[in-house]
PDB file of N, CA and C in Angstrom:
ATOM      1  N   UNK A   1      50.112  17.902  82.491  1.00  0.00           N
ATOM      2  CA  UNK A   1      50.722  19.134  81.039  1.00  0.00           C
ATOM      3  C   UNK A   1      52.174  19.419  81.472  1.00  0.00           C
ATOM      4  N   UNK A   2      52.485  20.406  80.138  1.00  0.00           N
ATOM      5  CA  UNK A   2      54.152  20.473  80.196  1.00  0.00           C
ATOM      6  C   UNK A   2      54.368  21.692  81.072  1.00  0.00           C
ATOM      7  N   UNK A   3      53.253  22.327  81.205  1.00  0.00           N
ATOM      8  CA  UNK A   3      52.866  23.563  81.412  1.00  0.00           C
ATOM      9  C   UNK A   3      52.966  24.467  82.643  1.00  0.00           C
ATOM     10  N   UNK A   4      53.565  23.821  83.137  1.00  0.00           N
ATOM     11  CA  UNK A   4      53.290  24.408  84.307  1.00  0.00           C
ATOM     12  C   UNK A   4      53.844  25.427  85.523  1.00  0.00           C
ATOM     13  N   UNK A   5      53.125  26.006  86.138  1.00  0.00           N
ATOM     14  CA  UNK A   5      54.052  27.044  87.009  1.00  0.00           C
ATOM     15  C   UNK A   5      54.059  27.072  88.502  1.00  0.00           C
ATOM     16  N   UNK A   6      55.479  26.008  88.184  1.00  0.00           N
ATOM     17  CA  UNK A   6      55.607  25.779  89.437  1.00  0.00           C
ATOM     18  C   UNK A   6      56.872  26.338  90.685  1.00  0.00           C
ATOM     19  N   UNK A   7      56.602  28.005  89.688  1.00  0.00           N
ATOM     20  CA  UNK A   7      57.826  28.666  90.824  1.00  0.00           C
ATOM     21  C   UNK A   7      56.733  29.146  92.085  1.00  0.00           C
ATOM     22  N   UNK A   8      56.117  29.003  92.557  1.00  0.00           N
ATOM     23  CA  UNK A   8      55.463  29.459  93.522  1.00  0.00           C
ATOM     24  C   UNK A   8      56.526  29.038  95.051  1.00  0.00           C
ATOM     25  N   UNK A   9      56.779  29.464  95.883  1.00  0.00           N
ATOM     26  CA  UNK A   9      57.725  29.226  96.931  1.00  0.00           C
ATOM     27  C   UNK A   9      57.050  27.861  97.973  1.00  0.00           C
ATOM     28  N   UNK A  10      56.156  27.737  98.013  1.00  0.00           N
ATOM     29  CA  UNK A  10      55.488  26.052  98.162  1.00  0.00           C
ATOM     30  C   UNK A  10      55.269  25.343  98.353  1.00  0.00           C
ATOM     31  N   UNK A  11      55.681  25.316  96.710  1.00  0.00           N
ATOM     32  CA  UNK A  11      55.838  24.143  95.429  1.00  0.00           C
ATOM     33  C   UNK A  11      57.538  23.586  94.888  1.00  0.00           C
ATOM     34  N   UNK A  12      58.574  25.546  95.382  1.00  0.00           N
ATOM     35  CA  UNK A  12      59.597  25.063  95.297  1.00  0.00           C
ATOM     36  C   UNK A  12      60.382  24.410  96.225  1.00  0.00           C
ATOM     37  N   UNK A  13      59.963  24.372  97.665  1.00  0.00           N
ATOM     38  CA  UNK A  13      60.027  23.115  99.296  1.00  0.00           C
ATOM     39  C   UNK A  13      59.894  22.619  99.157  1.00  0.00           C
ATOM     40  N   UNK A  14      58.420  21.768  98.773  1.00  0.00           N
ATOM     41  CA  UNK A  14      58.001  20.614  97.896  1.00  0.00           C
ATOM     42  C   UNK A  14      59.124  19.484  97.990  1.00  0.00           C
ATOM     43  N   UNK A  15      59.523  20.014  96.274  1.00  0.00           N
ATOM     44  CA  UNK A  15      60.801  19.533  95.487  1.00  0.00           C
ATOM     45  C   UNK A  15      61.607  20.033  96.295  1.00  0.00           C
ATOM     46  N   UNK A  16      62.093  20.393  96.754  1.00  0.00           N
ATOM     47  CA  UNK A  16      63.468  20.393  97.159  1.00  0.00           C
ATOM     48  C   UNK A  16      63.586  19.392  98.697  1.00  0.00           C
ATOM     49  N   UNK A  17      62.233  19.253  99.406  1.00  0.00           N
ATOM     50  CA  UNK A  17      61.979  18.203 100.677  1.00  0.00           C
ATOM     51  C   UNK A  17      62.100  16.917 100.444  1.00  0.00           C
ATOM     52  N   UNK A  18      60.947  16.664  99.116  1.00  0.00           N
ATOM     53  CA  UNK A  18      61.233  16.074  97.831  1.00  0.00           C
ATOM     54  C   UNK A  18      62.385  15.270  97.966  1.00  0.00           C
ATOM     55  N   UNK A  19      63.493  15.722  97.086  1.00  0.00           N
ATOM     56  CA  UNK A  19      64.484  15.220  96.419  1.00  0.00           C
ATOM     57  C   UNK A  19      65.409  15.215  97.830  1.00  0.00           C
ATOM     58  N   UNK A  20      65.322  15.515  98.811  1.00  0.00           N
ATOM     59  CA  UNK A  20      65.848  15.228 100.163  1.00  0.00           C
ATOM     60  C   UNK A  20      65.821  13.863 100.359  1.00  0.00           C
ATOM     61  N   UNK A  21      64.016  13.702 100.773  1.00  0.00           N
ATOM     62  CA  UNK A  21      63.567  12.238 101.274  1.00  0.00           C
ATOM     63  C   UNK A  21      63.824  11.223 100.103  1.00  0.00           C
ATOM     64  N   UNK A  22      64.067  11.234  98.540  1.00  0.00           N
ATOM     65  CA  UNK A  22      64.276  10.528  97.829  1.00  0.00           C
ATOM     66  C   UNK A  22      65.951   9.868  98.527  1.00  0.00           C
ATOM     67  N   UNK A  23      67.093  11.198  98.742  1.00  0.00           N
ATOM     68  CA  UNK A  23      68.279  10.711  98.989  1.00  0.00           C
ATOM     69  C   UNK A  23      68.563   9.750 100.032  1.00  0.00           C
ATOM     70  N   UNK A  24      67.689  10.129 100.845  1.00  0.00           N
ATOM     71  CA  UNK A  24      67.542   9.634 102.209  1.00  0.00           C
ATOM     72  C   UNK A  24      67.811   8.040 102.244  1.00  0.00           C
ATOM     73  N   UNK A  25      66.779   7.328 101.452  1.00  0.00           N
ATOM     74  CA  UNK A  25      66.050   6.104 100.655  1.00  0.00           C
ATOM     75  C   UNK A  25      66.930   5.435 100.623  1.00  0.00           C
ATOM     76  N   UNK A  26      66.737   4.490 101.122  1.00  0.00           N
ATOM     77  CA  UNK A  26      66.712   3.143 100.709  1.00  0.00           C
ATOM     78  C   UNK A  26      66.072   2.394  99.244  1.00  0.00           C
ATOM     79  N   UNK A  27      64.952   2.823  99.370  1.00  0.00           N
ATOM     80  CA  UNK A  27      63.683   2.279  98.650  1.00  0.00           C
ATOM     81  C   UNK A  27      63.115   2.932  97.982  1.00  0.00           C
ATOM     82  N   UNK A  28      62.515   2.749  97.018  1.00  0.00           N
ATOM     83  CA  UNK A  28      61.109   4.086  96.399  1.00  0.00           C
ATOM     84  C   UNK A  28      60.776   3.106  96.010  1.00  0.00           C
ATOM     85  N   UNK A  29      59.207   2.811  96.369  1.00  0.00           N
ATOM     86  CA  UNK A  29      57.860   1.768  95.834  1.00  0.00           C
ATOM     87  C   UNK A  29      56.937   3.236  94.547  1.00  0.00           C
ATOM     88  N   UNK A  30      56.554   2.792  93.563  1.00  0.00           N
ATOM     89  CA  UNK A  30      56.059   3.721  92.947  1.00  0.00           C
ATOM     90  C   UNK A  30      54.553   2.547  92.866  1.00  0.00           C
ATOM     91  N   UNK A  31      53.523   3.174  93.673  1.00  0.00           N
ATOM     92  CA  UNK A  31      51.898   2.702  93.385  1.00  0.00           C
ATOM     93  C   UNK A  31      50.998   3.158  91.925  1.00  0.00           C
ATOM     94  N   UNK A  32      50.334   2.864  91.571  1.00  0.00           N
ATOM     95  CA  UNK A  32      49.396   3.519  90.747  1.00  0.00           C
ATOM     96  C   UNK A  32      49.806   5.087  89.733  1.00  0.00           C
ATOM     97  N   UNK A  33      51.315   4.893  89.104  1.00  0.00           N
ATOM     98  CA  UNK A  33      51.718   6.259  89.156  1.00  0.00           C
ATOM     99  C   UNK A  33      52.661   5.985  88.525  1.00  0.00           C
ATOM    100  N   UNK A  34      52.782   6.206  86.662  1.00  0.00           N
ATOM    101  CA  UNK A  34      53.288   5.190  85.820  1.00  0.00           C
ATOM    102  C   UNK A  34      54.015   6.704  85.201  1.00  0.00           C
ATOM    103  N   UNK A  35      54.979   7.376  86.241  1.00  0.00           N
ATOM    104  CA  UNK A  35      56.006   9.266  85.569  1.00  0.00           C
ATOM    105  C   UNK A  35      55.415   9.094  84.620  1.00  0.00           C
ATOM    106  N   UNK A  36      54.469  10.312  83.858  1.00  0.00           N
ATOM    107  CA  UNK A  36      54.715  10.559  82.743  1.00  0.00           C
ATOM    108  C   UNK A  36      55.321  11.479  82.026  1.00  0.00           C
ATOM    109  N   UNK A  37      55.974  11.982  80.611  1.00  0.00           N
ATOM    110  CA  UNK A  37      56.864  12.331  80.387  1.00  0.00           C
ATOM    111  C   UNK A  37      56.575  14.175  80.666  1.00  0.00           C
ATOM    112  N   UNK A  38      55.193  14.172  81.000  1.00  0.00           N
ATOM    113  CA  UNK A  38      55.051  15.682  81.367  1.00  0.00           C
ATOM    114  C   UNK A  38      55.416  16.250  82.853  1.00  0.00           C
ATOM    115  N   UNK A  39      56.061  15.372  83.296  1.00  0.00           N
ATOM    116  CA  UNK A  39      56.012  14.982  85.029  1.00  0.00           C
ATOM    117  C   UNK A  39      57.815  15.410  85.165  1.00  0.00           C
ATOM    118  N   UNK A  40      57.895  16.541  83.927  1.00  0.00           N
ATOM    119  CA  UNK A  40      59.268  16.220  83.996  1.00  0.00           C
ATOM    120  C   UNK A  40      60.714  16.921  85.022  1.00  0.00           C
ATOM    121  N   UNK A  41      59.464  18.042  85.975  1.00  0.00           N
ATOM    122  CA  UNK A  41      60.523  18.475  87.152  1.00  0.00           C
ATOM    123  C   UNK A  41      60.492  16.618  88.355  1.00  0.00           C
ATOM    124  N   UNK A  42      59.633  15.976  88.681  1.00  0.00           N
ATOM    125  CA  UNK A  42      59.696  14.555  89.132  1.00  0.00           C
ATOM    126  C   UNK A  42      60.664  13.663  88.801  1.00  0.00           C
ATOM    127  N   UNK A  43      60.889  13.828  87.614  1.00  0.00           N
ATOM    128  CA  UNK A  43      61.701  12.702  86.819  1.00  0.00           C
ATOM    129  C   UNK A  43      63.045  12.901  87.209  1.00  0.00           C
ATOM    130  N   UNK A  44      63.414  14.617  86.929  1.00  0.00           N
ATOM    131  CA  UNK A  44      64.764  15.463  87.645  1.00  0.00           C
ATOM    132  C   UNK A  44      65.084  15.039  88.688  1.00  0.00           C
ATOM    133  N   UNK A  45      63.794  15.583  89.315  1.00  0.00           N
ATOM    134  CA  UNK A  45      64.389  14.945  90.994  1.00  0.00           C
ATOM    135  C   UNK A  45      64.772  13.753  91.459  1.00  0.00           C
ATOM    136  N   UNK A  46      63.856  12.654  90.793  1.00  0.00           N
ATOM    137  CA  UNK A  46      64.217  11.274  91.127  1.00  0.00           C
ATOM    138  C   UNK A  46      65.754  10.913  90.631  1.00  0.00           C
ATOM    139  N   UNK A  47      65.833  11.444  89.551  1.00  0.00           N
ATOM    140  CA  UNK A  47      67.330  11.119  88.779  1.00  0.00           C
ATOM    141  C   UNK A  47      68.431  12.080  89.361  1.00  0.00           C
ATOM    142  N   UNK A  48      67.849  12.587  90.249  1.00  0.00           N
ATOM    143  CA  UNK A  48      69.215  13.841  90.878  1.00  0.00           C
ATOM    144  C   UNK A  48      68.865  12.961  92.462  1.00  0.00           C
ATOM    145  N   UNK A  49      68.489  12.654  92.726  1.00  0.00           N
ATOM    146  CA  UNK A  49      68.270  11.982  93.762  1.00  0.00           C
ATOM    147  C   UNK A  49      68.394  10.626  94.234  1.00  0.00           C
ATOM    148  N   UNK A  50      68.362  10.048  93.580  1.00  0.00           N
ATOM    149  CA  UNK A  50      68.862   8.142  93.431  1.00  0.00           C
ATOM    150  C   UNK A  50      70.029   8.298  93.236  1.00  0.00           C
ATOM    151  N   UNK A  51      70.599   7.500  94.648  1.00  0.00           N
ATOM    152  CA  UNK A  51      71.453   7.068  94.515  1.00  0.00           C
ATOM    153  C   UNK A  51      72.141   5.032  93.508  1.00  0.00           C
ATOM    154  N   UNK A  52      72.737   4.941  93.256  1.00  0.00           N
ATOM    155  CA  UNK A  52      73.314   3.727  92.257  1.00  0.00           C
ATOM    156  C   UNK A  52      72.805   2.690  93.091  1.00  0.00           C
ATOM    157  N   UNK A  53      73.063   2.505  94.426  1.00  0.00           N
ATOM    158  CA  UNK A  53      72.038   1.931  94.972  1.00  0.00           C
ATOM    159  C   UNK A  53      70.469   1.825  95.553  1.00  0.00           C
ATOM    160  N   UNK A  54      70.118   2.584  95.282  1.00  0.00           N
ATOM    161  CA  UNK A  54      68.843   3.219  95.806  1.00  0.00           C
ATOM    162  C   UNK A  54      67.722   1.507  94.784  1.00  0.00           C
ATOM    163  N   UNK A  55      67.270   1.477  95.533  1.00  0.00           N
ATOM    164  CA  UNK A  55      66.122  -0.249  95.020  1.00  0.00           C
ATOM    165  C   UNK A  55      64.624   0.910  94.439  1.00  0.00           C
ATOM    166  N   UNK A  56      63.979   0.167  92.930  1.00  0.00           N
ATOM    167  CA  UNK A  56      63.122   0.757  93.430  1.00  0.00           C
ATOM    168  C   UNK A  56      61.893  -0.119  92.649  1.00  0.00           C
ATOM    169  N   UNK A  57      60.371  -0.313  93.374  1.00  0.00           N
ATOM    170  CA  UNK A  57      59.750  -1.242  92.689  1.00  0.00           C
ATOM    171  C   UNK A  57      58.538  -0.447  92.164  1.00  0.00           C
ATOM    172  N   UNK A  58      57.631  -1.229  91.243  1.00  0.00           N
ATOM    173  CA  UNK A  58      57.159  -0.128  90.653  1.00  0.00           C
ATOM    174  C   UNK A  58      55.952  -1.265  90.073  1.00  0.00           C
ATOM    175  N   UNK A  59      54.785  -1.002  90.805  1.00  0.00           N
ATOM    176  CA  UNK A  59      53.560  -2.009  90.385  1.00  0.00           C
ATOM    177  C   UNK A  59      52.696  -1.269  89.433  1.00  0.00           C
ATOM    178  N   UNK A  60      52.385  -2.047  88.684  1.00  0.00           N
ATOM    179  CA  UNK A  60      52.245  -2.203  87.554  1.00  0.00           C
ATOM    180  C   UNK A  60      51.317  -3.360  87.124  1.00  0.00           C
ATOM    181  N   UNK A  61      49.624  -2.733  87.127  1.00  0.00           N
ATOM    182  CA  UNK A  61      48.252  -3.750  87.186  1.00  0.00           C
ATOM    183  C   UNK A  61      48.834  -4.151  85.253  1.00  0.00           C
ATOM    184  N   UNK A  62      48.308  -3.120  84.559  1.00  0.00           N
ATOM    185  CA  UNK A  62      49.097  -3.208  83.674  1.00  0.00           C
ATOM    186  C   UNK A  62      49.678  -4.238  82.815  1.00  0.00           C
ATOM    187  N   UNK A  63      50.891  -4.250  83.312  1.00  0.00           N
ATOM    188  CA  UNK A  63      52.682  -5.277  83.127  1.00  0.00           C
ATOM    189  C   UNK A  63      52.900  -4.493  81.555  1.00  0.00           C
ATOM    190  N   UNK A  64      52.379  -3.163  81.802  1.00  0.00           N
ATOM    191  CA  UNK A  64      52.595  -2.374  80.697  1.00  0.00           C
ATOM    192  C   UNK A  64      53.691  -1.964  80.243  1.00  0.00           C
ATOM    193  N   UNK A  65      54.548  -1.352  78.867  1.00  0.00           N
ATOM    194  CA  UNK A  65      56.117  -1.374  78.187  1.00  0.00           C
ATOM    195  C   UNK A  65      56.221  -0.040  78.558  1.00  0.00           C
ATOM    196  N   UNK A  66      54.989   0.785  79.358  1.00  0.00           N
ATOM    197  CA  UNK A  66      55.027   2.349  78.841  1.00  0.00           C
ATOM    198  C   UNK A  66      55.873   2.290  80.655  1.00  0.00           C
ATOM    199  N   UNK A  67      55.569   1.591  81.380  1.00  0.00           N
ATOM    200  CA  UNK A  67      55.635   2.268  82.598  1.00  0.00           C
ATOM    201  C   UNK A  67      57.272   1.486  82.742  1.00  0.00           C
ATOM    202  N   UNK A  68      57.524   0.561  81.813  1.00  0.00           N
ATOM    203  CA  UNK A  68      58.691   0.442  81.487  1.00  0.00           C
ATOM    204  C   UNK A  68      59.957   0.801  81.278  1.00  0.00           C
ATOM    205  N   UNK A  69      59.350   1.757  79.784  1.00  0.00           N
ATOM    206  CA  UNK A  69      60.182   2.950  79.660  1.00  0.00           C
ATOM    207  C   UNK A  69      60.139   4.268  79.868  1.00  0.00           C
ATOM    208  N   UNK A  70      59.556   4.397  80.593  1.00  0.00           N
ATOM    209  CA  UNK A  70      58.787   5.953  81.868  1.00  0.00           C
ATOM    210  C   UNK A  70      59.629   5.254  82.764  1.00  0.00           C
ATOM    211  N   UNK A  71      60.138   4.381  83.398  1.00  0.00           N
ATOM    212  CA  UNK A  71      61.487   4.513  85.122  1.00  0.00           C
ATOM    213  C   UNK A  71      62.653   3.605  84.574  1.00  0.00           C
ATOM    214  N   UNK A  72      62.609   3.526  83.314  1.00  0.00           N
ATOM    215  CA  UNK A  72      64.252   2.287  82.767  1.00  0.00           C
ATOM    216  C   UNK A  72      65.215   3.318  82.555  1.00  0.00           C
ATOM    217  N   UNK A  73      64.979   4.848  82.743  1.00  0.00           N
ATOM    218  CA  UNK A  73      66.729   5.304  83.152  1.00  0.00           C
ATOM    219  C   UNK A  73      66.466   5.637  84.619  1.00  0.00           C
ATOM    220  N   UNK A  74      65.633   5.701  85.210  1.00  0.00           N
ATOM    221  CA  UNK A  74      66.308   5.881  86.164  1.00  0.00           C
ATOM    222  C   UNK A  74      67.013   5.333  87.091  1.00  0.00           C
ATOM    223  N   UNK A  75      67.105   3.585  86.970  1.00  0.00           N
ATOM    224  CA  UNK A  75      67.973   2.662  88.020  1.00  0.00           C
ATOM    225  C   UNK A  75      68.199   2.139  87.190  1.00  0.00           C
ATOM    226  N   UNK A  76      68.877   0.870  87.636  1.00  0.00           N
ATOM    227  CA  UNK A  76      69.811  -0.133  87.652  1.00  0.00           C
ATOM    228  C   UNK A  76      68.951  -1.334  87.928  1.00  0.00           C
ATOM    229  N   UNK A  77      68.055  -0.540  89.051  1.00  0.00           N
ATOM    230  CA  UNK A  77      68.163  -1.635  90.269  1.00  0.00           C
ATOM    231  C   UNK A  77      66.398  -1.348  90.281  1.00  0.00           C
ATOM    232  N   UNK A  78      65.754  -2.000  89.178  1.00  0.00           N
ATOM    233  CA  UNK A  78      63.650  -1.505  89.079  1.00  0.00           C
ATOM    234  C   UNK A  78      63.607  -2.959  88.508  1.00  0.00           C
ATOM    235  N   UNK A  79      62.488  -2.937  90.268  1.00  0.00           N
ATOM    236  CA  UNK A  79      61.926  -4.526  89.738  1.00  0.00           C
ATOM    237  C   UNK A  79      60.171  -3.820  89.734  1.00  0.00           C
ATOM    238  N   UNK A  80      59.563  -5.235  88.799  1.00  0.00           N
ATOM    239  CA  UNK A  80      58.047  -4.666  87.657  1.00  0.00           C
ATOM    240  C   UNK A  80      57.242  -5.769  89.169  1.00  0.00           C
ATOM    241  N   UNK A  81      56.427  -5.395  89.493  1.00  0.00           N
ATOM    242  CA  UNK A  81      54.809  -6.416  89.614  1.00  0.00           C
ATOM    243  C   UNK A  81      54.350  -6.154  89.158  1.00  0.00           C
ATOM    244  N   UNK A  82      53.160  -7.414  88.515  1.00  0.00           N
ATOM    245  CA  UNK A  82      52.133  -7.451  87.929  1.00  0.00           C
ATOM    246  C   UNK A  82      51.187  -7.864  88.725  1.00  0.00           C
ATOM    247  N   UNK A  83      50.691  -6.281  90.086  1.00  0.00           N
ATOM    248  CA  UNK A  83      49.788  -6.434  90.400  1.00  0.00           C
ATOM    249  C   UNK A  83      48.778  -5.446  90.826  1.00  0.00           C
ATOM    250  N   UNK A  84      47.305  -5.314  91.500  1.00  0.00           N
ATOM    251  CA  UNK A  84      46.951  -4.412  91.914  1.00  0.00           C
ATOM    252  C   UNK A  84      47.941  -3.363  92.407  1.00  0.00           C
ATOM    253  N   UNK A  85      46.918  -2.764  93.519  1.00  0.00           N
ATOM    254  CA  UNK A  85      47.435  -2.404  94.502  1.00  0.00           C
ATOM    255  C   UNK A  85      46.673  -3.180  95.874  1.00  0.00           C
ATOM    256  N   UNK A  86      45.053  -3.646  95.871  1.00  0.00           N
ATOM    257  CA  UNK A  86      44.395  -4.056  96.534  1.00  0.00           C
ATOM    258  C   UNK A  86      45.249  -5.689  96.577  1.00  0.00           C
ATOM    259  N   UNK A  87      45.407  -6.266  95.184  1.00  0.00           N
ATOM    260  CA  UNK A  87      46.287  -7.271  96.405  1.00  0.00           C
ATOM    261  C   UNK A  87      47.266  -7.566  96.172  1.00  0.00           C
ATOM    262  N   UNK A  88      48.459  -6.854  95.936  1.00  0.00           N
ATOM    263  CA  UNK A  88      49.454  -6.340  96.895  1.00  0.00           C
ATOM    264  C   UNK A  88      48.865  -6.048  98.895  1.00  0.00           C
ATOM    265  N   UNK A  89      48.278  -5.784  98.890  1.00  0.00           N
ATOM    266  CA  UNK A  89      47.588  -5.570 100.153  1.00  0.00           C
ATOM    267  C   UNK A  89      47.609  -6.001 101.073  1.00  0.00           C
ATOM    268  N   UNK A  90      46.664  -7.337 100.070  1.00  0.00           N
ATOM    269  CA  UNK A  90      46.192  -8.849 101.072  1.00  0.00           C
ATOM    270  C   UNK A  90      46.783  -9.772 100.582  1.00  0.00           C
ATOM    271  N   UNK A  91      48.043  -9.721 100.415  1.00  0.00           N
ATOM    272  CA  UNK A  91      49.493 -10.788  99.339  1.00  0.00           C
ATOM    273  C   UNK A  91      50.689 -10.441 100.668  1.00  0.00           C
ATOM    274  N   UNK A  92      50.415 -10.816 102.192  1.00  0.00           N
ATOM    275  CA  UNK A  92      51.899 -10.539 103.063  1.00  0.00           C
ATOM    276  C   UNK A  92      52.978 -11.463 102.887  1.00  0.00           C
ATOM    277  N   UNK A  93      53.739 -12.172 101.647  1.00  0.00           N
ATOM    278  CA  UNK A  93      54.671 -12.705 100.870  1.00  0.00           C
ATOM    279  C   UNK A  93      55.035 -11.266 100.493  1.00  0.00           C
ATOM    280  N   UNK A  94      54.052 -10.882  99.658  1.00  0.00           N
ATOM    281  CA  UNK A  94      54.611  -9.494  99.154  1.00  0.00           C
ATOM    282  C   UNK A  94      54.493  -8.618 100.050  1.00  0.00           C
ATOM    283  N   UNK A  95      54.315  -7.848 100.445  1.00  0.00           N
ATOM    284  CA  UNK A  95      54.433  -6.562 100.985  1.00  0.00           C
ATOM    285  C   UNK A  95      55.852  -7.040 102.085  1.00  0.00           C
ATOM    286  N   UNK A  96      56.309  -8.159 102.483  1.00  0.00           N
ATOM    287  CA  UNK A  96      57.235  -8.130 103.487  1.00  0.00           C
ATOM    288  C   UNK A  96      58.040  -8.620 102.474  1.00  0.00           C
ATOM    289  N   UNK A  97      58.485  -8.800 101.069  1.00  0.00           N
ATOM    290  CA  UNK A  97      58.902  -8.521 100.144  1.00  0.00           C
ATOM    291  C   UNK A  97      59.497  -6.998  99.506  1.00  0.00           C
ATOM    292  N   UNK A  98      58.607  -6.271  99.991  1.00  0.00           N
ATOM    293  CA  UNK A  98      58.545  -5.434  98.881  1.00  0.00           C
ATOM    294  C   UNK A  98      59.049  -4.600 100.333  1.00  0.00           C
ATOM    295  N   UNK A  99      58.170  -4.358 101.471  1.00  0.00           N
ATOM    296  CA  UNK A  99      58.438  -3.483 102.351  1.00  0.00           C
ATOM    297  C   UNK A  99      60.144  -3.180 102.918  1.00  0.00           C
ATOM    298  N   UNK A 100      59.970  -5.007 103.600  1.00  0.00           N
ATOM    299  CA  UNK A 100      61.628  -5.799 104.549  1.00  0.00           C
ATOM    300  C   UNK A 100      62.974  -5.637 104.000  1.00  0.00           C
ATOM    301  N   UNK A 101      62.397  -6.120 102.348  1.00  0.00           N
ATOM    302  CA  UNK A 101      64.489  -6.502 101.345  1.00  0.00           C
ATOM    303  C   UNK A 101      64.469  -5.220 101.370  1.00  0.00           C
TER     304      UNK A 101
END
């Protein structure tokens, strides 16, 4: 929903801490999250906190164009992986590629 009350101090602190963690990250991996339009606050945190060199990996089981549209504006360094979470976890080569590189 676009109508969220995010003014509670605990939620505000979570957003501040999330932004700090994203700024410190070299890579951000999304599994099972489509970055919907309704999450404008999350999108704002990501756009403000990701650096030009941040790598983004998006796991999309459906190979959905909506995923590509939703994530496309965040960075030039986005890699999409068409797979389920279960398949990735059981594939050592993919896990190593995602987590190590």
